[in-house]
N, C-alpha and C. Protein backbone atom coordinates (compact mmCIF):
# COMPACT_ATOMS: atom_id res chain seq x y z
N VAL A 1 99.57 101.43 92.88
CA VAL A 1 99.41 100.00 92.28
C VAL A 1 98.12 100.13 91.78
N ASN A 2 97.50 100.32 90.16
CA ASN A 2 96.30 100.31 89.89
C ASN A 2 95.65 99.02 88.87
N VAL A 3 94.99 98.72 89.04
CA VAL A 3 94.58 96.91 88.43
C VAL A 3 93.43 97.53 88.01
N PRO A 4 92.93 96.71 87.19
CA PRO A 4 92.01 97.29 86.28
C PRO A 4 90.79 95.57 86.76
N LYS A 5 89.50 95.99 86.84
CA LYS A 5 88.66 95.01 87.62
C LYS A 5 88.41 93.83 86.82
N VAL A 6 89.26 94.26 85.92
CA VAL A 6 88.43 92.36 84.78
C VAL A 6 89.71 92.58 84.25
N ARG A 7 90.08 91.17 83.82
CA ARG A 7 91.14 90.86 83.45
C ARG A 7 91.45 89.44 82.90
N ARG A 8 92.00 89.26 81.38
CA ARG A 8 91.84 88.22 80.64
C ARG A 8 93.00 87.77 80.70
N THR A 9 92.54 85.78 81.86
CA THR A 9 93.18 85.28 81.85
C THR A 9 93.23 83.99 81.86
N TYR A 10 93.99 82.54 81.74
CA TYR A 10 94.46 81.46 81.99
C TYR A 10 93.20 80.76 83.16
N CYS A 11 91.91 80.14 82.28
CA CYS A 11 91.47 79.58 83.22
C CYS A 11 91.41 77.95 83.64
N LYS A 12 91.77 77.16 84.57
CA LYS A 12 91.87 75.93 84.34
C LYS A 12 90.05 75.17 84.38
N LYS A 13 89.31 75.67 85.14
CA LYS A 13 88.38 74.32 84.38
C LYS A 13 88.00 74.73 82.75
N ALA A 14 88.19 75.81 82.70
CA ALA A 14 87.65 76.20 81.12
C ALA A 14 88.78 75.83 79.95
N LYS A 15 89.82 75.72 81.06
CA LYS A 15 91.02 75.01 79.42
C LYS A 15 91.53 76.47 78.48
N ARG A 16 91.54 77.20 79.19
CA ARG A 16 91.53 78.17 77.71
C ARG A 16 91.26 80.26 78.74
N HIS A 17 91.69 81.24 78.08
CA HIS A 17 91.89 82.19 78.48
C HIS A 17 90.47 82.89 78.31
N THR A 18 89.93 83.43 79.70
CA THR A 18 88.16 83.91 79.81
C THR A 18 88.94 84.90 80.46
N VAL A 19 87.46 85.56 80.68
CA VAL A 19 87.17 87.41 81.22
C VAL A 19 87.26 86.61 83.20
N HIS A 20 88.22 87.46 83.58
CA HIS A 20 87.95 87.58 85.10
C HIS A 20 87.94 88.42 86.50
N LYS A 21 86.76 88.59 87.15
CA LYS A 21 86.90 89.27 87.71
C LYS A 21 87.74 89.47 88.66
N VAL A 22 88.32 90.93 89.05
CA VAL A 22 89.11 91.04 90.12
C VAL A 22 88.63 91.31 91.35
N THR A 23 89.41 90.93 92.35
CA THR A 23 88.83 91.62 93.73
C THR A 23 89.90 91.59 95.00
N GLN A 24 90.02 92.08 95.64
CA GLN A 24 91.17 92.19 97.12
C GLN A 24 91.18 91.43 97.96
N TYR A 25 91.54 90.49 97.84
CA TYR A 25 91.95 88.93 98.36
C TYR A 25 91.86 89.58 99.89
N LYS A 26 90.91 89.20 100.44
CA LYS A 26 90.83 89.41 102.28
C LYS A 26 90.79 88.50 103.33
N ALA A 27 91.76 88.12 104.73
CA ALA A 27 91.68 86.88 105.25
C ALA A 27 90.22 87.18 105.96
N GLY A 28 89.56 85.56 106.06
CA GLY A 28 88.54 85.92 106.36
C GLY A 28 88.80 85.63 108.88
N LYS A 29 87.85 85.68 109.27
CA LYS A 29 87.59 85.47 110.25
C LYS A 29 88.20 84.15 110.66
N ALA A 30 88.72 84.12 112.12
CA ALA A 30 89.64 83.30 112.69
C ALA A 30 88.31 81.79 113.17
N SER A 31 87.91 80.83 112.94
CA SER A 31 87.00 80.05 113.12
C SER A 31 87.54 79.75 114.75
N ILE A 32 86.55 79.64 115.62
CA ILE A 32 86.38 78.71 116.85
C ILE A 32 86.66 76.79 117.07
N HIS A 33 86.05 76.33 115.68
CA HIS A 33 86.50 75.40 115.97
C HIS A 33 88.22 74.42 114.74
N PRO A 34 88.47 74.04 116.22
CA PRO A 34 90.40 73.48 115.32
C PRO A 34 90.18 73.15 114.15
N GLN A 35 89.35 72.05 113.40
CA GLN A 35 89.26 71.58 112.21
C GLN A 35 89.24 72.92 111.22
N ASP A 36 88.92 73.49 111.40
CA ASP A 36 89.01 74.43 110.09
C ASP A 36 89.82 75.06 110.28
N ALA A 37 91.35 75.15 111.89
CA ALA A 37 92.37 75.58 111.15
C ALA A 37 93.02 75.03 110.94
N ILE A 38 92.65 73.62 110.86
CA ILE A 38 93.62 72.33 110.39
C ILE A 38 93.88 72.54 109.14
N ASP A 39 92.88 72.59 108.52
CA ASP A 39 92.79 72.51 106.88
C ASP A 39 93.79 73.57 106.40
N VAL A 40 93.39 74.80 106.89
CA VAL A 40 93.88 75.83 106.09
C VAL A 40 95.64 75.79 106.92
N MET A 41 95.71 75.19 107.23
CA MET A 41 97.26 74.86 107.64
C MET A 41 97.97 74.42 106.74
N HIS A 42 97.35 73.85 105.59
CA HIS A 42 97.89 73.18 104.51
C HIS A 42 98.48 74.47 103.35
N LEU A 43 97.57 75.76 103.50
CA LEU A 43 97.74 76.53 102.82
C LEU A 43 98.63 77.71 103.24
N GLU A 44 98.66 77.51 104.36
CA GLU A 44 99.94 78.45 105.18
C GLU A 44 100.86 78.54 104.44
N SER A 45 101.69 77.58 104.05
CA SER A 45 103.25 77.63 102.83
C SER A 45 103.23 78.98 101.89
N LYS A 46 101.63 78.99 100.95
CA LYS A 46 101.62 79.63 99.95
C LYS A 46 101.02 80.95 100.79
N PHE A 47 99.94 81.25 101.63
CA PHE A 47 99.58 82.19 101.97
C PHE A 47 99.38 82.35 103.24
N ASN A 48 99.61 83.99 103.85
CA ASN A 48 99.77 83.97 104.78
C ASN A 48 98.10 84.66 105.95
N HIS A 49 98.24 83.01 106.44
CA HIS A 49 96.24 82.95 106.32
C HIS A 49 96.97 83.26 108.43
N MET A 50 97.30 84.17 108.62
CA MET A 50 97.92 84.18 109.98
C MET A 50 96.72 84.48 111.12
N LYS A 51 95.42 85.11 110.58
CA LYS A 51 94.51 85.38 111.79
C LYS A 51 93.68 83.28 111.88
N LYS A 52 94.16 82.80 111.00
CA LYS A 52 93.16 81.45 110.79
C LYS A 52 94.59 80.44 111.61
N ILE A 53 95.84 80.81 111.07
CA ILE A 53 96.66 80.07 111.99
C ILE A 53 96.14 79.70 113.40
N ASN A 54 96.60 81.56 113.59
CA ASN A 54 96.78 81.64 115.03
C ASN A 54 95.54 80.30 116.20
N ILE A 55 94.38 80.49 115.70
CA ILE A 55 93.49 79.50 116.08
C ILE A 55 93.69 77.98 116.65
N VAL A 56 95.01 77.34 115.98
CA VAL A 56 95.29 76.21 115.92
C VAL A 56 95.79 75.87 117.78
N GLY A 57 96.44 76.80 118.26
CA GLY A 57 97.09 76.64 119.38
C GLY A 57 96.52 77.38 120.85
N ARG A 58 95.45 77.80 119.98
CA ARG A 58 94.31 78.60 121.11
C ARG A 58 94.01 78.10 122.42
N ARG A 59 93.22 77.38 121.90
CA ARG A 59 93.20 76.26 123.69
C ARG A 59 94.08 76.05 124.20
N ARG A 60 95.39 75.86 123.88
CA ARG A 60 96.56 75.81 124.81
C ARG A 60 96.65 76.76 125.28
N TYR A 61 96.57 77.84 124.66
CA TYR A 61 97.43 78.71 124.90
C TYR A 61 96.77 79.27 126.36
N ASP A 62 95.32 79.47 126.16
CA ASP A 62 94.75 79.67 127.35
C ASP A 62 94.54 79.18 128.66
N ARG A 63 94.50 77.69 128.40
CA ARG A 63 95.30 77.29 129.54
C ARG A 63 96.07 77.47 129.73
N LYS A 64 97.50 77.65 129.10
CA LYS A 64 98.44 78.42 129.91
C LYS A 64 98.39 79.26 130.99
N GLN A 65 97.50 80.58 130.06
CA GLN A 65 97.94 81.73 130.37
C GLN A 65 96.90 81.50 131.92
N ARG A 66 96.01 81.09 132.56
CA ARG A 66 95.13 80.82 133.43
C ARG A 66 95.95 80.95 134.80
N GLY A 67 95.06 81.54 135.84
CA GLY A 67 95.71 81.59 137.38
C GLY A 67 96.98 82.97 137.18
N TYR A 68 97.99 82.53 138.53
CA TYR A 68 98.71 83.39 138.49
C TYR A 68 100.24 83.37 137.11
N GLY A 69 100.97 83.99 137.30
CA GLY A 69 102.40 84.14 136.57
C GLY A 69 102.16 84.41 135.74
N GLY A 70 101.50 85.72 135.47
CA GLY A 70 101.55 86.82 133.84
C GLY A 70 101.61 86.18 132.84
N GLN A 71 102.00 86.86 131.70
CA GLN A 71 102.11 86.51 130.76
C GLN A 71 103.27 84.97 130.72
N THR A 72 103.18 83.94 129.60
CA THR A 72 103.42 82.85 129.66
C THR A 72 104.46 82.42 128.30
N LYS A 73 104.09 83.77 127.15
CA LYS A 73 104.79 83.16 126.04
C LYS A 73 104.85 84.54 125.03
N PRO A 74 106.15 84.94 125.06
CA PRO A 74 106.47 86.22 124.14
C PRO A 74 104.94 86.58 123.33
N ILE A 75 105.08 88.22 123.56
CA ILE A 75 104.30 88.46 122.27
C ILE A 75 105.70 89.33 121.82
N PHE A 76 105.13 89.05 120.17
CA PHE A 76 106.23 90.29 119.30
C PHE A 76 105.90 91.77 119.19
N HIS A 77 106.70 92.27 119.48
CA HIS A 77 106.64 93.62 119.17
C HIS A 77 107.61 94.56 118.38
N LYS A 78 108.23 93.67 117.76
CA LYS A 78 109.70 94.13 116.48
C LYS A 78 109.08 94.36 115.30
N LYS A 79 107.58 94.71 114.75
CA LYS A 79 107.37 95.13 113.78
C LYS A 79 108.31 94.93 112.90
N ALA A 80 108.56 94.44 111.57
CA ALA A 80 109.88 95.88 110.93
C ALA A 80 108.75 96.18 109.28
N LYS A 81 108.22 94.94 108.79
CA LYS A 81 107.24 95.77 107.75
C LYS A 81 106.22 96.87 107.86
N THR A 82 106.39 97.78 106.78
CA THR A 82 105.52 98.21 106.58
C THR A 82 103.73 97.79 105.52
N THR A 83 104.68 97.65 104.64
CA THR A 83 103.66 96.42 104.24
C THR A 83 102.88 95.61 103.57
N LYS A 84 101.56 95.23 103.43
CA LYS A 84 101.54 93.84 103.19
C LYS A 84 101.70 93.65 102.01
N LYS A 85 101.97 92.23 101.41
CA LYS A 85 101.94 91.79 99.53
C LYS A 85 100.13 92.29 99.32
N ILE A 86 100.23 92.21 98.26
CA ILE A 86 98.66 92.38 98.02
C ILE A 86 98.75 90.69 96.90
N VAL A 87 97.43 90.34 97.42
CA VAL A 87 96.86 88.96 96.67
C VAL A 87 95.40 89.04 96.37
N LEU A 88 95.67 89.61 94.78
CA LEU A 88 94.03 89.04 94.09
C LEU A 88 93.50 88.23 93.95
N ARG A 89 92.13 88.61 94.04
CA ARG A 89 91.19 87.15 94.13
C ARG A 89 90.18 86.76 92.33
N LEU A 90 90.73 85.62 91.15
CA LEU A 90 90.76 86.13 89.93
C LEU A 90 89.00 85.23 90.11
N GLU A 91 88.21 85.85 89.87
CA GLU A 91 86.71 84.77 88.96
C GLU A 91 86.34 84.87 87.85
N CYS A 92 86.40 83.42 87.17
CA CYS A 92 86.16 83.57 86.05
C CYS A 92 84.57 84.10 85.69
N THR A 93 83.87 84.80 84.74
CA THR A 93 83.04 84.58 84.35
C THR A 93 82.05 83.93 83.98
N GLU A 94 82.61 83.01 83.15
CA GLU A 94 82.16 81.36 83.03
C GLU A 94 81.89 80.72 82.93
N THR A 95 83.15 79.59 84.46
CA THR A 95 83.12 78.90 85.00
C THR A 95 82.76 78.90 87.16
N LYS A 96 82.77 80.75 87.04
CA LYS A 96 82.85 80.68 88.46
C LYS A 96 84.02 79.83 89.17
N ALA A 97 84.98 79.80 88.67
CA ALA A 97 86.69 78.96 89.16
C ALA A 97 87.27 80.48 90.20
N ARG A 98 87.55 79.98 91.05
CA ARG A 98 88.11 81.37 91.44
C ARG A 98 89.73 80.94 91.89
N LYS A 99 90.70 81.99 91.50
CA LYS A 99 92.20 81.66 91.66
C LYS A 99 92.91 82.62 92.28
N MET A 100 93.84 82.50 93.58
CA MET A 100 94.50 83.63 93.91
C MET A 100 95.73 83.98 92.82
N LEU A 101 96.09 85.24 92.98
CA LEU A 101 97.03 85.83 92.76
C LEU A 101 98.17 87.18 93.45
N ALA A 102 99.07 86.37 93.74
CA ALA A 102 99.95 87.46 94.08
C ALA A 102 100.60 88.42 93.71
N LEU A 103 100.58 89.74 94.21
CA LEU A 103 101.60 90.70 93.51
C LEU A 103 102.70 91.07 94.81
N LYS A 104 103.39 92.36 94.47
CA LYS A 104 104.28 92.70 94.86
C LYS A 104 103.87 93.70 96.00
N ARG A 105 104.48 93.59 97.06
CA ARG A 105 104.23 94.98 98.11
C ARG A 105 104.18 96.35 97.69
N CYS A 106 103.50 96.90 97.95
CA CYS A 106 103.27 98.39 97.83
C CYS A 106 102.46 98.82 99.13
N LYS A 107 102.54 100.64 99.12
CA LYS A 107 102.10 101.05 99.99
C LYS A 107 100.67 101.69 99.67
N HIS A 108 100.24 101.63 98.45
CA HIS A 108 99.19 102.20 97.99
C HIS A 108 98.49 101.49 96.30
N PHE A 109 97.36 101.09 97.12
CA PHE A 109 96.88 99.81 95.89
C PHE A 109 95.50 100.49 95.45
N GLU A 110 95.15 100.49 94.53
CA GLU A 110 93.35 101.15 93.55
C GLU A 110 93.39 99.70 92.86
N LEU A 111 91.96 99.57 92.73
CA LEU A 111 91.33 98.37 92.17
C LEU A 111 90.09 99.04 91.11
N GLY A 112 91.26 99.62 89.44
CA GLY A 112 90.00 99.74 88.42
C GLY A 112 89.67 101.78 89.20
N GLY A 113 90.97 101.91 89.07
CA GLY A 113 91.31 103.57 88.89
C GLY A 113 91.10 104.40 86.98
N ASP A 114 91.05 105.59 87.97
CA ASP A 114 91.46 106.10 85.93
C ASP A 114 93.19 106.07 85.79
N LYS A 115 93.13 105.58 83.92
CA LYS A 115 94.38 105.41 83.69
C LYS A 115 95.06 106.66 83.59
N LYS A 116 96.58 106.42 83.68
CA LYS A 116 97.41 107.50 83.37
C LYS A 116 97.34 107.71 81.79
N ARG A 117 97.02 109.25 81.39
CA ARG A 117 97.31 109.75 79.99
C ARG A 117 98.62 110.55 80.57
N LYS A 118 98.97 110.74 78.58
CA LYS A 118 100.18 111.62 78.99
C LYS A 118 99.95 112.83 78.86
N GLY A 119 101.09 113.57 79.12
CA GLY A 119 100.08 114.94 78.59
C GLY A 119 99.47 115.84 79.42
N GLN A 120 98.94 115.01 80.64
CA GLN A 120 97.85 115.84 81.06
C GLN A 120 98.42 115.96 82.65
N MET A 121 97.78 117.99 83.12
CA MET A 121 97.80 118.26 84.15
C MET A 121 97.45 117.10 84.95
N ILE A 122 97.99 117.36 86.66
CA ILE A 122 97.75 116.93 87.74
C ILE A 122 96.38 117.51 88.12
N GLN A 123 95.51 116.96 88.68
CA GLN A 123 94.68 118.00 89.15
C GLN A 123 94.37 117.00 90.86
N PHE A 124 93.67 118.66 91.40
CA PHE A 124 93.61 117.30 92.87
C PHE A 124 91.63 117.86 92.98
């Protein structure tokens, strides 16, 4: 999938269509403070913030793992998905308001690549 770096789309703050800068969303590093993780739980249903959500039960998990007794909780191994859903982060150039836009799953993602031309030979 090839996505242009700028896109004209609706801005809630400006209440009209404006030019937005497009970047690919990347989940941030999980916080060591449990409060940050709880705030993220509200967003969990919309976006898959697995890195941040994991921190919520981290303290309890570490306590349970202490001492003898081996692994106390199951570790997930049966990974079925080979791709992730692409999430675009759109930032309005006028109001600096940001919004997320989820795309479908794809193996190849390109931001601001060359457009396809009709009748052109493929160059390697």
